[in-house]
Amino acid sequence: QLRGKAIALHSQVITEFCKSIGADQKQRQGLIRLAKKNG
């Protein structure tokens, strides 16, 4: 449960970052996949 909340929070941070720099949906998904691989 804690891990799921942390992953969801991290995905929200990535989404907000993508909105601030103007990245599209495909780039956002790529960053989330990269975060999972790094994790």
Full PDB file with SEQRES, HELIX, SHEET, SSBOND, CRYST1, ORIGX, SCALE, CONECT and MASTER records, all heavy atoms in Angstrom:
SEQRES   1 A   39  GLN LEU ARG GLY LYS ALA ILE ALA LEU HIS SER GLN VAL          
SEQRES   2 A   39  ILE THR GLU PHE CYS LYS SER ILE GLY ALA ASP GLN LYS          
SEQRES   3 A   39  GLN ARG GLN GLY LEU ILE ARG LEU ALA LYS LYS ASN GLY          
HELIX    1 AA1 LEU A    2  ILE A   21  1                                  20    
HELIX    2 AA2 GLN A   25  ASN A   38  1                                  14    
CRYST1    1.000    1.000    1.000  90.00  90.00  90.00 P 1           1          
ORIGX1      1.000000  0.000000  0.000000        0.00000                         
ORIGX2      0.000000  1.000000  0.000000        0.00000                         
ORIGX3      0.000000  0.000000  1.000000        0.00000                         
SCALE1      1.000000  0.000000  0.000000        0.00000                         
SCALE2      0.000000  1.000000  0.000000        0.00000                         
SCALE3      0.000000  0.000000  1.000000        0.00000                         
ATOM      1  N   GLN A   1       0.833  -1.205   0.000  1.00  0.00           N  
ATOM      2  CA  GLN A   1       0.000   0.000   0.000  1.00  0.00           C  
ATOM      3  C   GLN A   1       0.867   1.255   0.000  1.00  0.00           C  
ATOM      4  O   GLN A   1       0.624   2.195  -0.781  1.00  0.00           O  
ATOM      5  CB  GLN A   1      -0.917   0.027   1.230  1.00  0.00           C  
ATOM      6  CG  GLN A   1      -2.023  -1.003   1.186  1.00  0.00           C  
ATOM      7  CD  GLN A   1      -2.791  -1.064   2.498  1.00  0.00           C  
ATOM      8  OE1 GLN A   1      -2.349  -0.547   3.531  1.00  0.00           O  
ATOM      9  NE2 GLN A   1      -3.951  -1.714   2.472  1.00  0.00           N  
ATOM     10  N   LEU A   2       1.879   1.264   0.848  1.00  0.00           N  
ATOM     11  CA  LEU A   2       2.784   2.416   0.900  1.00  0.00           C  
ATOM     12  C   LEU A   2       3.547   2.586  -0.413  1.00  0.00           C  
ATOM     13  O   LEU A   2       3.727   3.701  -0.901  1.00  0.00           O  
ATOM     14  CB  LEU A   2       3.768   2.267   2.068  1.00  0.00           C  
ATOM     15  CG  LEU A   2       3.165   2.356   3.469  1.00  0.00           C  
ATOM     16  CD1 LEU A   2       4.204   1.982   4.518  1.00  0.00           C  
ATOM     17  CD2 LEU A   2       2.637   3.749   3.714  1.00  0.00           C  
ATOM     18  N   ARG A   3       3.988   1.468  -0.975  1.00  0.00           N  
ATOM     19  CA  ARG A   3       4.709   1.527  -2.244  1.00  0.00           C  
ATOM     20  C   ARG A   3       3.812   2.074  -3.350  1.00  0.00           C  
ATOM     21  O   ARG A   3       4.234   2.900  -4.162  1.00  0.00           O  
ATOM     22  CB  ARG A   3       5.208   0.142  -2.634  1.00  0.00           C  
ATOM     23  CG  ARG A   3       5.927   0.140  -3.972  1.00  0.00           C  
ATOM     24  CD  ARG A   3       6.276  -1.245  -4.435  1.00  0.00           C  
ATOM     25  NE  ARG A   3       7.394  -1.765  -3.688  1.00  0.00           N  
ATOM     26  CZ  ARG A   3       7.865  -2.996  -3.809  1.00  0.00           C  
ATOM     27  NH1 ARG A   3       7.298  -3.840  -4.635  1.00  0.00           N  
ATOM     28  NH2 ARG A   3       8.892  -3.403  -3.105  1.00  0.00           N  
ATOM     29  N   GLY A   4       2.560   1.641  -3.386  1.00  0.00           N  
ATOM     30  CA  GLY A   4       1.609   2.138  -4.379  1.00  0.00           C  
ATOM     31  C   GLY A   4       1.383   3.634  -4.252  1.00  0.00           C  
ATOM     32  O   GLY A   4       1.322   4.356  -5.260  1.00  0.00           O  
ATOM     33  N   LYS A   5       1.272   4.113  -3.012  1.00  0.00           N  
ATOM     34  CA  LYS A   5       1.097   5.558  -2.796  1.00  0.00           C  
ATOM     35  C   LYS A   5       2.337   6.329  -3.246  1.00  0.00           C  
ATOM     36  O   LYS A   5       2.225   7.402  -3.850  1.00  0.00           O  
ATOM     37  CB  LYS A   5       0.813   5.849  -1.328  1.00  0.00           C  
ATOM     38  CG  LYS A   5      -0.577   5.416  -0.892  1.00  0.00           C  
ATOM     39  CD  LYS A   5      -0.816   5.693   0.576  1.00  0.00           C  
ATOM     40  CE  LYS A   5      -2.173   5.178   1.008  1.00  0.00           C  
ATOM     41  NZ  LYS A   5      -2.410   5.386   2.436  1.00  0.00           N  
ATOM     42  N   ALA A   6       3.519   5.794  -2.961  1.00  0.00           N  
ATOM     43  CA  ALA A   6       4.765   6.464  -3.358  1.00  0.00           C  
ATOM     44  C   ALA A   6       4.897   6.508  -4.886  1.00  0.00           C  
ATOM     45  O   ALA A   6       5.290   7.531  -5.452  1.00  0.00           O  
ATOM     46  CB  ALA A   6       5.964   5.748  -2.743  1.00  0.00           C  
ATOM     47  N   ILE A   7       4.534   5.427  -5.547  1.00  0.00           N  
ATOM     48  CA  ILE A   7       4.606   5.389  -7.009  1.00  0.00           C  
ATOM     49  C   ILE A   7       3.608   6.375  -7.610  1.00  0.00           C  
ATOM     50  O   ILE A   7       3.926   7.108  -8.565  1.00  0.00           O  
ATOM     51  CB  ILE A   7       4.370   3.953  -7.530  1.00  0.00           C  
ATOM     52  CG1 ILE A   7       5.567   3.067  -7.158  1.00  0.00           C  
ATOM     53  CG2 ILE A   7       4.135   3.940  -9.036  1.00  0.00           C  
ATOM     54  CD1 ILE A   7       5.362   1.584  -7.433  1.00  0.00           C  
ATOM     55  N   ALA A   8       2.395   6.421  -7.053  1.00  0.00           N  
ATOM     56  CA  ALA A   8       1.388   7.363  -7.552  1.00  0.00           C  
ATOM     57  C   ALA A   8       1.848   8.809  -7.355  1.00  0.00           C  
ATOM     58  O   ALA A   8       1.689   9.645  -8.245  1.00  0.00           O  
ATOM     59  CB  ALA A   8       0.059   7.125  -6.845  1.00  0.00           C  
ATOM     60  N   LEU A   9       2.423   9.106  -6.186  1.00  0.00           N  
ATOM     61  CA  LEU A   9       2.919  10.444  -5.919  1.00  0.00           C  
ATOM     62  C   LEU A   9       4.050  10.819  -6.890  1.00  0.00           C  
ATOM     63  O   LEU A   9       4.084  11.930  -7.418  1.00  0.00           O  
ATOM     64  CB  LEU A   9       3.405  10.542  -4.472  1.00  0.00           C  
ATOM     65  CG  LEU A   9       3.941  11.893  -4.015  1.00  0.00           C  
ATOM     66  CD1 LEU A   9       2.826  12.938  -4.081  1.00  0.00           C  
ATOM     67  CD2 LEU A   9       4.488  11.800  -2.603  1.00  0.00           C  
ATOM     68  N   HIS A  10       4.944   9.881  -7.142  1.00  0.00           N  
ATOM     69  CA  HIS A  10       6.044  10.136  -8.061  1.00  0.00           C  
ATOM     70  C   HIS A  10       5.526  10.364  -9.486  1.00  0.00           C  
ATOM     71  O   HIS A  10       6.034  11.225 -10.211  1.00  0.00           O  
ATOM     72  CB  HIS A  10       7.043   8.979  -8.022  1.00  0.00           C  
ATOM     73  CG  HIS A  10       8.342   9.290  -8.683  1.00  0.00           C  
ATOM     74  ND1 HIS A  10       8.869   8.502  -9.683  1.00  0.00           N  
ATOM     75  CD2 HIS A  10       9.226  10.304  -8.507  1.00  0.00           C  
ATOM     76  CE1 HIS A  10      10.012   9.017 -10.083  1.00  0.00           C  
ATOM     77  NE2 HIS A  10      10.255  10.100  -9.389  1.00  0.00           N  
ATOM     78  N   SER A  11       4.513   9.601  -9.888  1.00  0.00           N  
ATOM     79  CA  SER A  11       3.910   9.800 -11.210  1.00  0.00           C  
ATOM     80  C   SER A  11       3.269  11.181 -11.324  1.00  0.00           C  
ATOM     81  O   SER A  11       3.346  11.830 -12.378  1.00  0.00           O  
ATOM     82  CB  SER A  11       2.869   8.721 -11.497  1.00  0.00           C  
ATOM     83  OG  SER A  11       3.487   7.461 -11.581  1.00  0.00           O  
ATOM     84  N   GLN A  12       2.655  11.651 -10.226  1.00  0.00           N  
ATOM     85  CA  GLN A  12       2.066  12.997 -10.227  1.00  0.00           C  
ATOM     86  C   GLN A  12       3.151  14.069 -10.360  1.00  0.00           C  
ATOM     87  O   GLN A  12       2.962  15.063 -11.074  1.00  0.00           O  
ATOM     88  CB  GLN A  12       1.264  13.234  -8.948  1.00  0.00           C  
ATOM     89  CG  GLN A  12      -0.036  12.471  -8.900  1.00  0.00           C  
ATOM     90  CD  GLN A  12      -0.749  12.634  -7.564  1.00  0.00           C  
ATOM     91  OE1 GLN A  12      -0.241  13.290  -6.650  1.00  0.00           O  
ATOM     92  NE2 GLN A  12      -1.921  12.024  -7.442  1.00  0.00           N  
ATOM     93  N   VAL A  13       4.263  13.872  -9.695  1.00  0.00           N  
ATOM     94  CA  VAL A  13       5.372  14.825  -9.790  1.00  0.00           C  
ATOM     95  C   VAL A  13       5.896  14.867 -11.224  1.00  0.00           C  
ATOM     96  O   VAL A  13       6.160  15.947 -11.781  1.00  0.00           O  
ATOM     97  CB  VAL A  13       6.499  14.454  -8.792  1.00  0.00           C  
ATOM     98  CG1 VAL A  13       7.759  15.261  -9.063  1.00  0.00           C  
ATOM     99  CG2 VAL A  13       6.029  14.654  -7.377  1.00  0.00           C  
ATOM    100  N   ILE A  14       6.032  13.700 -11.843  1.00  0.00           N  
ATOM    101  CA  ILE A  14       6.492  13.650 -13.233  1.00  0.00           C  
ATOM    102  C   ILE A  14       5.486  14.352 -14.146  1.00  0.00           C  
ATOM    103  O   ILE A  14       5.873  15.109 -15.052  1.00  0.00           O  
ATOM    104  CB  ILE A  14       6.725  12.185 -13.672  1.00  0.00           C  
ATOM    105  CG1 ILE A  14       7.923  11.599 -12.919  1.00  0.00           C  
ATOM    106  CG2 ILE A  14       6.940  12.086 -15.184  1.00  0.00           C  
ATOM    107  CD1 ILE A  14       8.121  10.112 -13.115  1.00  0.00           C  
ATOM    108  N   THR A  15       4.187  14.142 -13.904  1.00  0.00           N  
ATOM    109  CA  THR A  15       3.154  14.783 -14.713  1.00  0.00           C  
ATOM    110  C   THR A  15       3.210  16.298 -14.583  1.00  0.00           C  
ATOM    111  O   THR A  15       3.134  17.027 -15.590  1.00  0.00           O  
ATOM    112  CB  THR A  15       1.760  14.263 -14.305  1.00  0.00           C  
ATOM    113  OG1 THR A  15       1.732  12.833 -14.481  1.00  0.00           O  
ATOM    114  CG2 THR A  15       0.659  14.876 -15.138  1.00  0.00           C  
ATOM    115  N   GLU A  16       3.355  16.797 -13.369  1.00  0.00           N  
ATOM    116  CA  GLU A  16       3.453  18.240 -13.155  1.00  0.00           C  
ATOM    117  C   GLU A  16       4.702  18.815 -13.825  1.00  0.00           C  
ATOM    118  O   GLU A  16       4.671  19.898 -14.399  1.00  0.00           O  
ATOM    119  CB  GLU A  16       3.454  18.574 -11.655  1.00  0.00           C  
ATOM    120  CG  GLU A  16       2.133  18.301 -10.972  1.00  0.00           C  
ATOM    121  CD  GLU A  16       0.991  19.122 -11.573  1.00  0.00           C  
ATOM    122  OE1 GLU A  16       1.188  20.323 -11.865  1.00  0.00           O  
ATOM    123  OE2 GLU A  16      -0.095  18.544 -11.769  1.00  0.00           O  
ATOM    124  N   PHE A  17       5.809  18.073 -13.748  1.00  0.00           N  
ATOM    125  CA  PHE A  17       7.031  18.509 -14.404  1.00  0.00           C  
ATOM    126  C   PHE A  17       6.821  18.602 -15.921  1.00  0.00           C  
ATOM    127  O   PHE A  17       7.241  19.568 -16.563  1.00  0.00           O  
ATOM    128  CB  PHE A  17       8.178  17.545 -14.068  1.00  0.00           C  
ATOM    129  CG  PHE A  17       9.431  17.815 -14.838  1.00  0.00           C  
ATOM    130  CD1 PHE A  17      10.234  18.898 -14.518  1.00  0.00           C  
ATOM    131  CD2 PHE A  17       9.817  16.997 -15.897  1.00  0.00           C  
ATOM    132  CE1 PHE A  17      11.394  19.157 -15.230  1.00  0.00           C  
ATOM    133  CE2 PHE A  17      10.971  17.260 -16.615  1.00  0.00           C  
ATOM    134  CZ  PHE A  17      11.758  18.341 -16.283  1.00  0.00           C  
ATOM    135  N   CYS A  18       6.165  17.608 -16.484  1.00  0.00           N  
ATOM    136  CA  CYS A  18       5.911  17.604 -17.930  1.00  0.00           C  
ATOM    137  C   CYS A  18       4.998  18.759 -18.338  1.00  0.00           C  
ATOM    138  O   CYS A  18       5.185  19.349 -19.404  1.00  0.00           O  
ATOM    139  CB  CYS A  18       5.308  16.269 -18.366  1.00  0.00           C  
ATOM    140  SG  CYS A  18       6.495  14.919 -18.316  1.00  0.00           S  
ATOM    141  N   LYS A  19       4.029  19.086 -17.485  1.00  0.00           N  
ATOM    142  CA  LYS A  19       3.145  20.222 -17.778  1.00  0.00           C  
ATOM    143  C   LYS A  19       3.943  21.522 -17.757  1.00  0.00           C  
ATOM    144  O   LYS A  19       3.732  22.400 -18.587  1.00  0.00           O  
ATOM    145  CB  LYS A  19       2.006  20.296 -16.759  1.00  0.00           C  
ATOM    146  CG  LYS A  19       0.915  19.284 -16.987  1.00  0.00           C  
ATOM    147  CD  LYS A  19      -0.176  19.457 -15.942  1.00  0.00           C  
ATOM    148  CE  LYS A  19      -1.246  18.402 -16.064  1.00  0.00           C  
ATOM    149  NZ  LYS A  19      -2.275  18.521 -15.014  1.00  0.00           N  
ATOM    150  N   SER A  20       4.849  21.641 -16.800  1.00  0.00           N  
ATOM    151  CA  SER A  20       5.603  22.891 -16.673  1.00  0.00           C  
ATOM    152  C   SER A  20       6.571  23.118 -17.829  1.00  0.00           C  
ATOM    153  O   SER A  20       6.831  24.254 -18.204  1.00  0.00           O  
ATOM    154  CB  SER A  20       6.349  22.928 -15.336  1.00  0.00           C  
ATOM    155  OG  SER A  20       7.386  21.972 -15.340  1.00  0.00           O  
ATOM    156  N   ILE A  21       7.099  22.049 -18.417  1.00  0.00           N  
ATOM    157  CA  ILE A  21       8.028  22.227 -19.534  1.00  0.00           C  
ATOM    158  C   ILE A  21       7.337  22.085 -20.888  1.00  0.00           C  
ATOM    159  O   ILE A  21       7.970  22.260 -21.925  1.00  0.00           O  
ATOM    160  CB  ILE A  21       9.225  21.259 -19.447  1.00  0.00           C  
ATOM    161  CG1 ILE A  21       8.772  19.800 -19.573  1.00  0.00           C  
ATOM    162  CG2 ILE A  21      10.018  21.477 -18.187  1.00  0.00           C  
ATOM    163  CD1 ILE A  21       9.911  18.821 -19.781  1.00  0.00           C  
ATOM    164  N   GLY A  22       6.064  21.719 -20.879  1.00  0.00           N  
ATOM    165  CA  GLY A  22       5.311  21.598 -22.125  1.00  0.00           C  
ATOM    166  C   GLY A  22       5.534  20.288 -22.866  1.00  0.00           C  
ATOM    167  O   GLY A  22       5.388  20.239 -24.085  1.00  0.00           O  
ATOM    168  N   ALA A  23       5.866  19.224 -22.152  1.00  0.00           N  
ATOM    169  CA  ALA A  23       6.069  17.910 -22.777  1.00  0.00           C  
ATOM    170  C   ALA A  23       4.714  17.269 -23.083  1.00  0.00           C  
ATOM    171  O   ALA A  23       3.752  17.444 -22.331  1.00  0.00           O  
ATOM    172  CB  ALA A  23       6.883  17.010 -21.855  1.00  0.00           C  
ATOM    173  N   ASP A  24       4.654  16.512 -24.166  1.00  0.00           N  
ATOM    174  CA  ASP A  24       3.396  15.868 -24.523  1.00  0.00           C  
ATOM    175  C   ASP A  24       3.216  14.546 -23.763  1.00  0.00           C  
ATOM    176  O   ASP A  24       4.078  14.136 -22.974  1.00  0.00           O  
ATOM    177  CB  ASP A  24       3.306  15.652 -26.037  1.00  0.00           C  
ATOM    178  CG  ASP A  24       4.376  14.701 -26.559  1.00  0.00           C  
ATOM    179  OD1 ASP A  24       5.298  14.380 -25.798  1.00  0.00           O  
ATOM    180  OD2 ASP A  24       4.273  14.289 -27.733  1.00  0.00           O  
ATOM    181  N   GLN A  25       2.078  13.873 -24.028  1.00  0.00           N  
ATOM    182  CA  GLN A  25       1.710  12.642 -23.310  1.00  0.00           C  
ATOM    183  C   GLN A  25       2.734  11.529 -23.544  1.00  0.00           C  
ATOM    184  O   GLN A  25       3.068  10.793 -22.614  1.00  0.00           O  
ATOM    185  CB  GLN A  25       0.314  12.199 -23.784  1.00  0.00           C  
ATOM    186  CG  GLN A  25      -0.274  11.028 -23.045  1.00  0.00           C  
ATOM    187  CD  GLN A  25      -0.765  11.388 -21.661  1.00  0.00           C  
ATOM    188  OE1 GLN A  25      -0.861  12.554 -21.296  1.00  0.00           O  
ATOM    189  NE2 GLN A  25      -1.057  10.386 -20.868  1.00  0.00           N  
ATOM    190  N   LYS A  26       3.226  11.421 -24.751  1.00  0.00           N  
ATOM    191  CA  LYS A  26       4.185  10.364 -25.073  1.00  0.00           C  
ATOM    192  C   LYS A  26       5.492  10.543 -24.296  1.00  0.00           C  
ATOM    193  O   LYS A  26       6.058   9.578 -23.781  1.00  0.00           O  
ATOM    194  CB  LYS A  26       4.446  10.358 -26.581  1.00  0.00           C  
ATOM    195  CG  LYS A  26       5.219   9.166 -27.053  1.00  0.00           C  
ATOM    196  CD  LYS A  26       5.300   9.138 -28.564  1.00  0.00           C  
ATOM    197  CE  LYS A  26       6.048   7.927 -29.038  1.00  0.00           C  
ATOM    198  NZ  LYS A  26       6.126   7.866 -30.498  1.00  0.00           N  
ATOM    199  N   GLN A  27       5.954  11.763 -24.189  1.00  0.00           N  
ATOM    200  CA  GLN A  27       7.186  12.026 -23.427  1.00  0.00           C  
ATOM    201  C   GLN A  27       6.973  11.755 -21.946  1.00  0.00           C  
ATOM    202  O   GLN A  27       7.855  11.241 -21.261  1.00  0.00           O  
ATOM    203  CB  GLN A  27       7.635  13.466 -23.651  1.00  0.00           C  
ATOM    204  CG  GLN A  27       8.162  13.721 -25.044  1.00  0.00           C  
ATOM    205  CD  GLN A  27       8.443  15.184 -25.291  1.00  0.00           C  
ATOM    206  OE1 GLN A  27       7.770  16.067 -24.751  1.00  0.00           O  
ATOM    207  NE2 GLN A  27       9.448  15.459 -26.131  1.00  0.00           N  
ATOM    208  N   ARG A  28       5.782  12.104 -21.445  1.00  0.00           N  
ATOM    209  CA  ARG A  28       5.464  11.851 -20.040  1.00  0.00           C  
ATOM    210  C   ARG A  28       5.477  10.347 -19.751  1.00  0.00           C  
ATOM    211  O   ARG A  28       6.060   9.901 -18.751  1.00  0.00           O  
ATOM    212  CB  ARG A  28       4.089  12.438 -19.695  1.00  0.00           C  
ATOM    213  CG  ARG A  28       3.709  12.247 -18.223  1.00  0.00           C  
ATOM    214  CD  ARG A  28       2.307  12.771 -17.928  1.00  0.00           C  
ATOM    215  NE  ARG A  28       1.274  11.860 -18.379  1.00  0.00           N  
ATOM    216  CZ  ARG A  28       0.859  10.791 -17.686  1.00  0.00           C  
ATOM    217  NH1 ARG A  28       1.394  10.505 -16.524  1.00  0.00           N  
ATOM    218  NH2 ARG A  28      -0.082  10.017 -18.161  1.00  0.00           N  
ATOM    219  N   GLN A  29       4.871   9.568 -20.638  1.00  0.00           N  
ATOM    220  CA  GLN A  29       4.873   8.112 -20.454  1.00  0.00           C  
ATOM    221  C   GLN A  29       6.286   7.548 -20.503  1.00  0.00           C  
ATOM    222  O   GLN A  29       6.624   6.630 -19.741  1.00  0.00           O  
ATOM    223  CB  GLN A  29       4.012   7.442 -21.527  1.00  0.00           C  
ATOM    224  CG  GLN A  29       2.531   7.648 -21.326  1.00  0.00           C  
ATOM    225  CD  GLN A  29       1.703   7.061 -22.462  1.00  0.00           C  
ATOM    226  OE1 GLN A  29       2.238   6.679 -23.502  1.00  0.00           O  
ATOM    227  NE2 GLN A  29       0.396   6.995 -22.258  1.00  0.00           N  
ATOM    228  N   GLY A  30       7.107   8.107 -21.385  1.00  0.00           N  
ATOM    229  CA  GLY A  30       8.497   7.665 -21.455  1.00  0.00           C  
ATOM    230  C   GLY A  30       9.255   7.954 -20.171  1.00  0.00           C  
ATOM    231  O   GLY A  30      10.052   7.140 -19.709  1.00  0.00           O  
ATOM    232  N   LEU A  31       8.991   9.128 -19.564  1.00  0.00           N  
ATOM    233  CA  LEU A  31       9.651   9.462 -18.288  1.00  0.00           C  
ATOM    234  C   LEU A  31       9.190   8.544 -17.165  1.00  0.00           C  
ATOM    235  O   LEU A  31       9.991   8.149 -16.311  1.00  0.00           O  
ATOM    236  CB  LEU A  31       9.386  10.924 -17.929  1.00  0.00           C  
ATOM    237  CG  LEU A  31      10.147  11.962 -18.747  1.00  0.00           C  
ATOM    238  CD1 LEU A  31       9.680  13.367 -18.382  1.00  0.00           C  
ATOM    239  CD2 LEU A  31      11.644  11.821 -18.528  1.00  0.00           C  
ATOM    240  N   ILE A  32       7.900   8.197 -17.157  1.00  0.00           N  
ATOM    241  CA  ILE A  32       7.395   7.289 -16.114  1.00  0.00           C  
ATOM    242  C   ILE A  32       8.016   5.902 -16.277  1.00  0.00           C  
ATOM    243  O   ILE A  32       8.425   5.274 -15.290  1.00  0.00           O  
ATOM    244  CB  ILE A  32       5.856   7.241 -16.141  1.00  0.00           C  
ATOM    245  CG1 ILE A  32       5.305   8.589 -15.659  1.00  0.00           C  
ATOM    246  CG2 ILE A  32       5.320   6.111 -15.272  1.00  0.00           C  
ATOM    247  CD1 ILE A  32       3.803   8.729 -15.775  1.00  0.00           C  
ATOM    248  N   ARG A  33       8.145   5.422 -17.514  1.00  0.00           N  
ATOM    249  CA  ARG A  33       8.802   4.129 -17.748  1.00  0.00           C  
ATOM    250  C   ARG A  33      10.267   4.168 -17.323  1.00  0.00           C  
ATOM    251  O   ARG A  33      10.784   3.216 -16.739  1.00  0.00           O  
ATOM    252  CB  ARG A  33       8.698   3.743 -19.218  1.00  0.00           C  
ATOM    253  CG  ARG A  33       7.327   3.279 -19.615  1.00  0.00           C  
ATOM    254  CD  ARG A  33       7.329   2.652 -21.005  1.00  0.00           C  
ATOM    255  NE  ARG A  33       5.982   2.359 -21.400  1.00  0.00           N  
ATOM    256  CZ  ARG A  33       5.315   3.009 -22.350  1.00  0.00           C  
ATOM    257  NH1 ARG A  33       5.901   3.987 -23.015  1.00  0.00           N  
ATOM    258  NH2 ARG A  33       4.077   2.686 -22.650  1.00  0.00           N  
ATOM    259  N   LEU A  34      10.921   5.272 -17.616  1.00  0.00           N  
ATOM    260  CA  LEU A  34      12.322   5.429 -17.217  1.00  0.00           C  
ATOM    261  C   LEU A  34      12.460   5.418 -15.697  1.00  0.00           C  
ATOM    262  O   LEU A  34      13.381   4.804 -15.149  1.00  0.00           O  
ATOM    263  CB  LEU A  34      12.894   6.730 -17.788  1.00  0.00           C  
ATOM    264  CG  LEU A  34      14.354   7.026 -17.474  1.00  0.00           C  
ATOM    265  CD1 LEU A  34      15.254   5.958 -18.070  1.00  0.00           C  
ATOM    266  CD2 LEU A  34      14.730   8.396 -17.993  1.00  0.00           C  
ATOM    267  N   ALA A  35      11.516   6.073 -15.011  1.00  0.00           N  
ATOM    268  CA  ALA A  35      11.541   6.078 -13.547  1.00  0.00           C  
ATOM    269  C   ALA A  35      11.365   4.659 -12.998  1.00  0.00           C  
ATOM    270  O   ALA A  35      12.021   4.269 -12.023  1.00  0.00           O  
ATOM    271  CB  ALA A  35      10.445   6.993 -13.005  1.00  0.00           C  
ATOM    272  N   LYS A  36      10.504   3.872 -13.635  1.00  0.00           N  
ATOM    273  CA  LYS A  36      10.301   2.496 -13.186  1.00  0.00           C  
ATOM    274  C   LYS A  36      11.571   1.672 -13.385  1.00  0.00           C  
ATOM    275  O   LYS A  36      11.987   0.930 -12.485  1.00  0.00           O  
ATOM    276  CB  LYS A  36       9.142   1.849 -13.939  1.00  0.00           C  
ATOM    277  CG  LYS A  36       8.861   0.451 -13.457  1.00  0.00           C  
ATOM    278  CD  LYS A  36       7.714  -0.201 -14.174  1.00  0.00           C  
ATOM    279  CE  LYS A  36       7.521  -1.589 -13.590  1.00  0.00           C  
ATOM    280  NZ  LYS A  36       6.820  -2.477 -14.462  1.00  0.00           N  
ATOM    281  N   LYS A  37      12.204   1.811 -14.548  1.00  0.00           N  
ATOM    282  CA  LYS A  37      13.452   1.073 -14.805  1.00  0.00           C  
ATOM    283  C   LYS A  37      14.543   1.462 -13.819  1.00  0.00           C  
ATOM    284  O   LYS A  37      15.276   0.612 -13.307  1.00  0.00           O  
ATOM    285  CB  LYS A  37      13.929   1.315 -16.232  1.00  0.00           C  
ATOM    286  CG  LYS A  37      13.143   0.589 -17.280  1.00  0.00           C  
ATOM    287  CD  LYS A  37      13.711   0.854 -18.654  1.00  0.00           C  
ATOM    288  CE  LYS A  37      12.865   0.209 -19.732  1.00  0.00           C  
ATOM    289  NZ  LYS A  37      13.378   0.516 -21.080  1.00  0.00           N  
ATOM    290  N   ASN A  38      14.660   2.754 -13.544  1.00  0.00           N  
ATOM    291  CA  ASN A  38      15.663   3.206 -12.572  1.00  0.00           C  
ATOM    292  C   ASN A  38      15.360   2.678 -11.180  1.00  0.00           C  
ATOM    293  O   ASN A  38      16.272   2.316 -10.434  1.00  0.00           O  
ATOM    294  CB  ASN A  38      15.747   4.739 -12.568  1.00  0.00           C  
ATOM    295  CG  ASN A  38      16.423   5.277 -13.810  1.00  0.00           C  
ATOM    296  OD1 ASN A  38      17.174   4.584 -14.464  1.00  0.00           O  
ATOM    297  ND2 ASN A  38      16.116   6.528 -14.142  1.00  0.00           N  
ATOM    298  N   GLY A  39      14.080   2.649 -10.815  1.00  0.00           N  
ATOM    299  CA  GLY A  39      13.683   2.114  -9.511  1.00  0.00           C  
ATOM    300  C   GLY A  39      14.034   0.633  -9.384  1.00  0.00           C  
ATOM    301  O   GLY A  39      14.459   0.171  -8.333  1.00  0.00           O  
TER     302      GLY A  39                                                      
MASTER        0    0    0    2    0    0    0    6  301    1    0    3          
END                                                                             
